[in-house]
PDB file of N, CA and C in Angstrom:
ATOM      1  N   MET A   1       1.588 -15.210 -12.750  1.00  0.00           N
ATOM      2  CA  MET A   1       1.815 -14.072 -12.738  1.00  0.00           C
ATOM      3  C   MET A   1       2.093 -13.798 -11.236  1.00  0.00           C
ATOM      4  N   LEU A   2       1.461 -14.484 -10.148  1.00  0.00           N
ATOM      5  CA  LEU A   2       1.578 -13.917  -8.406  1.00  0.00           C
ATOM      6  C   LEU A   2       2.593 -14.775  -8.623  1.00  0.00           C
ATOM      7  N   LYS A   3       3.388 -15.693  -8.719  1.00  0.00           N
ATOM      8  CA  LYS A   3       4.967 -16.377  -8.975  1.00  0.00           C
ATOM      9  C   LYS A   3       5.909 -15.027  -8.756  1.00  0.00           C
ATOM     10  N   LYS A   4       5.644 -13.862  -9.451  1.00  0.00           N
ATOM     11  CA  LYS A   4       6.855 -13.068  -9.697  1.00  0.00           C
ATOM     12  C   LYS A   4       6.817 -11.656  -8.115  1.00  0.00           C
ATOM     13  N   PHE A   5       5.633 -11.879  -7.520  1.00  0.00           N
ATOM     14  CA  PHE A   5       5.715 -11.228  -6.451  1.00  0.00           C
ATOM     15  C   PHE A   5       5.833 -12.535  -4.995  1.00  0.00           C
ATOM     16  N   THR A   6       7.236 -11.742  -4.315  1.00  0.00           N
ATOM     17  CA  THR A   6       7.246 -11.987  -2.860  1.00  0.00           C
ATOM     18  C   THR A   6       6.116 -12.176  -1.741  1.00  0.00           C
ATOM     19  N   LEU A   7       6.369 -12.155  -0.847  1.00  0.00           N
ATOM     20  CA  LEU A   7       5.333 -12.196  -0.003  1.00  0.00           C
ATOM     21  C   LEU A   7       5.490 -10.913   0.971  1.00  0.00           C
ATOM     22  N   THR A   8       6.249 -10.184   0.853  1.00  0.00           N
ATOM     23  CA  THR A   8       6.816  -8.764   1.504  1.00  0.00           C
ATOM     24  C   THR A   8       5.452  -7.766  -0.198  1.00  0.00           C
ATOM     25  N   ASP A   9       5.843  -8.189  -1.137  1.00  0.00           N
ATOM     26  CA  ASP A   9       5.371  -7.537  -2.169  1.00  0.00           C
ATOM     27  C   ASP A   9       3.553  -7.749  -1.746  1.00  0.00           C
ATOM     28  N   LYS A  10       3.185  -8.873  -1.556  1.00  0.00           N
ATOM     29  CA  LYS A  10       1.943  -9.264  -1.634  1.00  0.00           C
ATOM     30  C   LYS A  10       1.251  -8.732  -0.056  1.00  0.00           C
ATOM     31  N   LEU A  11       1.977  -9.104   1.280  1.00  0.00           N
ATOM     32  CA  LEU A  11       1.382  -7.700   2.377  1.00  0.00           C
ATOM     33  C   LEU A  11       1.051  -6.235   2.050  1.00  0.00           C
ATOM     34  N   LEU A  12       2.440  -5.823   1.043  1.00  0.00           N
ATOM     35  CA  LEU A  12       2.315  -4.571   0.722  1.00  0.00           C
ATOM     36  C   LEU A  12       1.079  -4.102   0.296  1.00  0.00           C
ATOM     37  N   PHE A  13       0.564  -5.027  -0.940  1.00  0.00           N
ATOM     38  CA  PHE A  13      -0.543  -5.028  -1.742  1.00  0.00           C
ATOM     39  C   PHE A  13      -1.076  -4.728  -1.112  1.00  0.00           C
ATOM     40  N   ILE A  14      -1.564  -5.596  -0.324  1.00  0.00           N
ATOM     41  CA  ILE A  14      -2.693  -6.199   0.579  1.00  0.00           C
ATOM     42  C   ILE A  14      -2.608  -5.059   1.567  1.00  0.00           C
ATOM     43  N   SER A  15      -1.724  -4.578   2.520  1.00  0.00           N
ATOM     44  CA  SER A  15      -1.758  -3.185   3.346  1.00  0.00           C
ATOM     45  C   SER A  15      -2.484  -1.962   2.621  1.00  0.00           C
ATOM     46  N   ALA A  16      -1.824  -1.427   0.845  1.00  0.00           N
ATOM     47  CA  ALA A  16      -2.610  -1.152   0.659  1.00  0.00           C
ATOM     48  C   ALA A  16      -3.697  -0.874   0.538  1.00  0.00           C
ATOM     49  N   PHE A  17      -4.353  -1.880   0.024  1.00  0.00           N
ATOM     50  CA  PHE A  17      -5.590  -1.849  -0.733  1.00  0.00           C
ATOM     51  C   PHE A  17      -6.525  -2.430   0.475  1.00  0.00           C
ATOM     52  N   LEU A  18      -6.280  -2.397   1.366  1.00  0.00           N
ATOM     53  CA  LEU A  18      -6.501  -2.920   2.636  1.00  0.00           C
ATOM     54  C   LEU A  18      -7.358  -1.065   3.345  1.00  0.00           C
ATOM     55  N   SER A  19      -6.286  -0.243   3.307  1.00  0.00           N
ATOM     56  CA  SER A  19      -6.421   1.375   3.554  1.00  0.00           C
ATOM     57  C   SER A  19      -7.381   1.928   3.082  1.00  0.00           C
ATOM     58  N   LEU A  20      -7.498   1.571   1.374  1.00  0.00           N
ATOM     59  CA  LEU A  20      -7.901   2.139   0.784  1.00  0.00           C
ATOM     60  C   LEU A  20      -9.373   2.069   0.545  1.00  0.00           C
ATOM     61  N   VAL A  21      -9.795   0.632   1.068  1.00  0.00           N
ATOM     62  CA  VAL A  21     -11.421   0.395   1.210  1.00  0.00           C
ATOM     63  C   VAL A  21     -11.799   0.837   3.031  1.00  0.00           C
ATOM     64  N   TYR A  22     -10.839   0.946   3.772  1.00  0.00           N
ATOM     65  CA  TYR A  22     -10.846   1.594   4.687  1.00  0.00           C
ATOM     66  C   TYR A  22     -11.518   3.417   4.944  1.00  0.00           C
ATOM     67  N   SER A  23     -10.747   3.770   4.296  1.00  0.00           N
ATOM     68  CA  SER A  23     -10.978   4.735   3.652  1.00  0.00           C
ATOM     69  C   SER A  23     -12.250   5.764   2.819  1.00  0.00           C
ATOM     70  N   GLU A  24     -12.147   4.417   2.003  1.00  0.00           N
ATOM     71  CA  GLU A  24     -13.725   4.794   1.351  1.00  0.00           C
ATOM     72  C   GLU A  24     -15.215   4.529   2.303  1.00  0.00           C
ATOM     73  N   ILE A  25     -14.532   3.611   3.187  1.00  0.00           N
ATOM     74  CA  ILE A  25     -16.081   3.295   4.173  1.00  0.00           C
ATOM     75  C   ILE A  25     -16.391   4.130   5.231  1.00  0.00           C
ATOM     76  N   LEU A  26     -14.799   4.875   5.777  1.00  0.00           N
ATOM     77  CA  LEU A  26     -15.215   6.009   6.071  1.00  0.00           C
ATOM     78  C   LEU A  26     -15.739   7.460   5.443  1.00  0.00           C
ATOM     79  N   PHE A  27     -15.242   7.583   4.461  1.00  0.00           N
ATOM     80  CA  PHE A  27     -15.927   8.327   3.820  1.00  0.00           C
ATOM     81  C   PHE A  27     -17.425   8.534   3.518  1.00  0.00           C
ATOM     82  N   PHE A  28     -17.681   7.162   3.423  1.00  0.00           N
ATOM     83  CA  PHE A  28     -19.446   7.130   3.078  1.00  0.00           C
ATOM     84  C   PHE A  28     -20.248   7.304   4.328  1.00  0.00           C
ATOM     85  N   ASN A  29     -19.393   7.020   5.847  1.00  0.00           N
ATOM     86  CA  ASN A  29     -19.892   7.171   6.513  1.00  0.00           C
ATOM     87  C   ASN A  29     -20.300   8.384   7.515  1.00  0.00           C
ATOM     88  N   GLY A  30     -19.174   9.280   6.389  1.00  0.00           N
ATOM     89  CA  GLY A  30     -19.600  10.228   7.242  1.00  0.00           C
ATOM     90  C   GLY A  30     -18.456  11.162   7.519  1.00  0.00           C
ATOM     91  N   ASN A  31     -17.266  10.662   7.612  1.00  0.00           N
ATOM     92  CA  ASN A  31     -15.529  11.027   8.294  1.00  0.00           C
ATOM     93  C   ASN A  31     -14.684  11.375   6.907  1.00  0.00           C
ATOM     94  N   ALA A  32     -15.288  12.261   6.829  1.00  0.00           N
ATOM     95  CA  ALA A  32     -14.795  12.558   5.254  1.00  0.00           C
ATOM     96  C   ALA A  32     -13.161  13.193   5.501  1.00  0.00           C
ATOM     97  N   ASN A  33     -12.943  14.155   6.773  1.00  0.00           N
ATOM     98  CA  ASN A  33     -10.986  14.590   6.764  1.00  0.00           C
ATOM     99  C   ASN A  33     -10.545  12.788   7.280  1.00  0.00           C
ATOM    100  N   GLN A  34     -11.113  12.157   7.971  1.00  0.00           N
ATOM    101  CA  GLN A  34     -11.033  10.795   8.088  1.00  0.00           C
ATOM    102  C   GLN A  34     -10.194   9.905   7.348  1.00  0.00           C
ATOM    103  N   ALA A  35     -10.996   9.873   6.120  1.00  0.00           N
ATOM    104  CA  ALA A  35     -11.002   9.055   4.954  1.00  0.00           C
ATOM    105  C   ALA A  35      -9.590   9.826   3.990  1.00  0.00           C
ATOM    106  N   ILE A  36      -9.865  10.900   3.736  1.00  0.00           N
ATOM    107  CA  ILE A  36      -8.661  11.703   3.062  1.00  0.00           C
ATOM    108  C   ILE A  36      -7.727  11.424   4.193  1.00  0.00           C
ATOM    109  N   PHE A  37      -7.717  11.150   4.588  1.00  0.00           N
ATOM    110  CA  PHE A  37      -5.874  10.962   5.847  1.00  0.00           C
ATOM    111  C   PHE A  37      -5.483   9.533   5.718  1.00  0.00           C
ATOM    112  N   ILE A  38      -6.821   8.797   5.984  1.00  0.00           N
ATOM    113  CA  ILE A  38      -5.886   7.216   5.753  1.00  0.00           C
ATOM    114  C   ILE A  38      -6.059   6.704   3.912  1.00  0.00           C
ATOM    115  N   GLY A  39      -7.164   7.814   3.536  1.00  0.00           N
ATOM    116  CA  GLY A  39      -6.198   7.258   1.917  1.00  0.00           C
ATOM    117  C   GLY A  39      -4.972   7.710   1.345  1.00  0.00           C
ATOM    118  N   LEU A  40      -4.463   8.642   2.051  1.00  0.00           N
ATOM    119  CA  LEU A  40      -2.928   9.061   1.966  1.00  0.00           C
ATOM    120  C   LEU A  40      -2.217   7.731   1.613  1.00  0.00           C
ATOM    121  N   TRP A  41      -2.180   7.826   2.563  1.00  0.00           N
ATOM    122  CA  TRP A  41      -1.701   6.226   2.913  1.00  0.00           C
ATOM    123  C   TRP A  41      -1.208   5.231   1.915  1.00  0.00           C
ATOM    124  N   VAL A  42      -2.154   5.254   1.042  1.00  0.00           N
ATOM    125  CA  VAL A  42      -1.930   4.233  -0.246  1.00  0.00           C
ATOM    126  C   VAL A  42      -0.512   4.250  -0.535  1.00  0.00           C
ATOM    127  N   PRO A  43      -0.504   5.906  -1.625  1.00  0.00           N
ATOM    128  CA  PRO A  43       1.492   5.684  -2.246  1.00  0.00           C
ATOM    129  C   PRO A  43       1.898   5.520  -1.061  1.00  0.00           C
ATOM    130  N   SER A  44       1.934   5.928  -0.271  1.00  0.00           N
ATOM    131  CA  SER A  44       3.147   5.903   0.986  1.00  0.00           C
ATOM    132  C   SER A  44       3.364   4.471   0.643  1.00  0.00           C
ATOM    133  N   ILE A  45       2.575   3.950   0.863  1.00  0.00           N
ATOM    134  CA  ILE A  45       2.945   2.312   1.345  1.00  0.00           C
ATOM    135  C   ILE A  45       3.139   1.712   0.112  1.00  0.00           C
ATOM    136  N   LEU A  46       2.457   2.110  -0.936  1.00  0.00           N
ATOM    137  CA  LEU A  46       3.273   1.425  -2.677  1.00  0.00           C
ATOM    138  C   LEU A  46       4.529   2.060  -2.813  1.00  0.00           C
ATOM    139  N   SER A  47       4.907   2.977  -2.181  1.00  0.00           N
ATOM    140  CA  SER A  47       6.224   4.093  -3.049  1.00  0.00           C
ATOM    141  C   SER A  47       7.242   3.078  -1.701  1.00  0.00           C
ATOM    142  N   PHE A  48       6.791   2.753  -0.330  1.00  0.00           N
ATOM    143  CA  PHE A  48       7.358   1.474   0.493  1.00  0.00           C
ATOM    144  C   PHE A  48       8.193   0.763  -0.262  1.00  0.00           C
ATOM    145  N   GLY A  49       6.962   0.314  -1.157  1.00  0.00           N
ATOM    146  CA  GLY A  49       7.120  -1.615  -1.388  1.00  0.00           C
ATOM    147  C   GLY A  49       8.209  -0.896  -2.900  1.00  0.00           C
ATOM    148  N   ILE A  50       7.919   0.206  -3.636  1.00  0.00           N
ATOM    149  CA  ILE A  50       8.936   0.459  -4.800  1.00  0.00           C
ATOM    150  C   ILE A  50      10.406   0.910  -3.787  1.00  0.00           C
ATOM    151  N   TYR A  51      10.175   1.046  -2.964  1.00  0.00           N
ATOM    152  CA  TYR A  51      11.850   1.538  -2.161  1.00  0.00           C
ATOM    153  C   TYR A  51      12.580   0.000  -1.956  1.00  0.00           C
ATOM    154  N   LEU A  52      11.632  -0.749  -1.067  1.00  0.00           N
ATOM    155  CA  LEU A  52      12.234  -1.970  -0.707  1.00  0.00           C
ATOM    156  C   LEU A  52      12.417  -3.233  -2.059  1.00  0.00           C
ATOM    157  N   LYS A  53      11.917  -2.937  -3.003  1.00  0.00           N
ATOM    158  CA  LYS A  53      12.078  -3.090  -4.060  1.00  0.00           C
ATOM    159  C   LYS A  53      13.552  -3.007  -4.508  1.00  0.00           C
ATOM    160  N   LEU A  54      13.853  -1.380  -4.835  1.00  0.00           N
ATOM    161  CA  LEU A  54      15.063  -1.038  -5.514  1.00  0.00           C
ATOM    162  C   LEU A  54      16.208  -1.219  -4.355  1.00  0.00           C
ATOM    163  N   LEU A  55      16.440  -0.983  -3.039  1.00  0.00           N
ATOM    164  CA  LEU A  55      17.080  -1.727  -1.814  1.00  0.00           C
ATOM    165  C   LEU A  55      17.506  -3.345  -2.677  1.00  0.00           C
ATOM    166  N   ASN A  56      16.990  -4.578  -2.897  1.00  0.00           N
ATOM    167  CA  ASN A  56      16.799  -5.422  -2.485  1.00  0.00           C
ATOM    168  C   ASN A  56      17.715  -5.935  -4.338  1.00  0.00           C
ATOM    169  N   LYS A  57      17.313  -4.883  -5.107  1.00  0.00           N
ATOM    170  CA  LYS A  57      18.080  -4.583  -6.295  1.00  0.00           C
ATOM    171  C   LYS A  57      19.314  -4.240  -6.506  1.00  0.00           C
ATOM    172  N   ASN A  58      19.390  -3.354  -5.763  1.00  0.00           N
ATOM    173  CA  ASN A  58      21.051  -3.338  -5.562  1.00  0.00           C
ATOM    174  C   ASN A  58      21.561  -3.674  -5.114  1.00  0.00           C
ATOM    175  N   LYS A  59      21.381  -4.609  -3.868  1.00  0.00           N
ATOM    176  CA  LYS A  59      21.804  -5.753  -3.300  1.00  0.00           C
ATOM    177  C   LYS A  59      22.493  -6.720  -4.035  1.00  0.00           C
ATOM    178  N   ASN A  60      21.291  -7.222  -4.940  1.00  0.00           N
ATOM    179  CA  ASN A  60      21.591  -8.743  -5.752  1.00  0.00           C
ATOM    180  C   ASN A  60      23.034  -7.944  -6.763  1.00  0.00           C
ATOM    181  N   ASP A  61      23.293  -7.091  -7.374  1.00  0.00           N
ATOM    182  CA  ASP A  61      24.209  -6.474  -8.130  1.00  0.00           C
ATOM    183  C   ASP A  61      25.449  -6.554  -7.304  1.00  0.00           C
TER     184      ASP A  61
END
């Protein structure tokens, strides 16, 4: 299953996951505003990955 993912896909997924974990750490340490700010990065990172996939698909067509 992981063979379908490119290196870029894996790096984007790892960065989204790490930002989610860091956001939760901040939240449970009492920094709610910073945690929300960092937590908003997760959908942005994943959306950027989808955008890159679409660009790559259009280049190959």
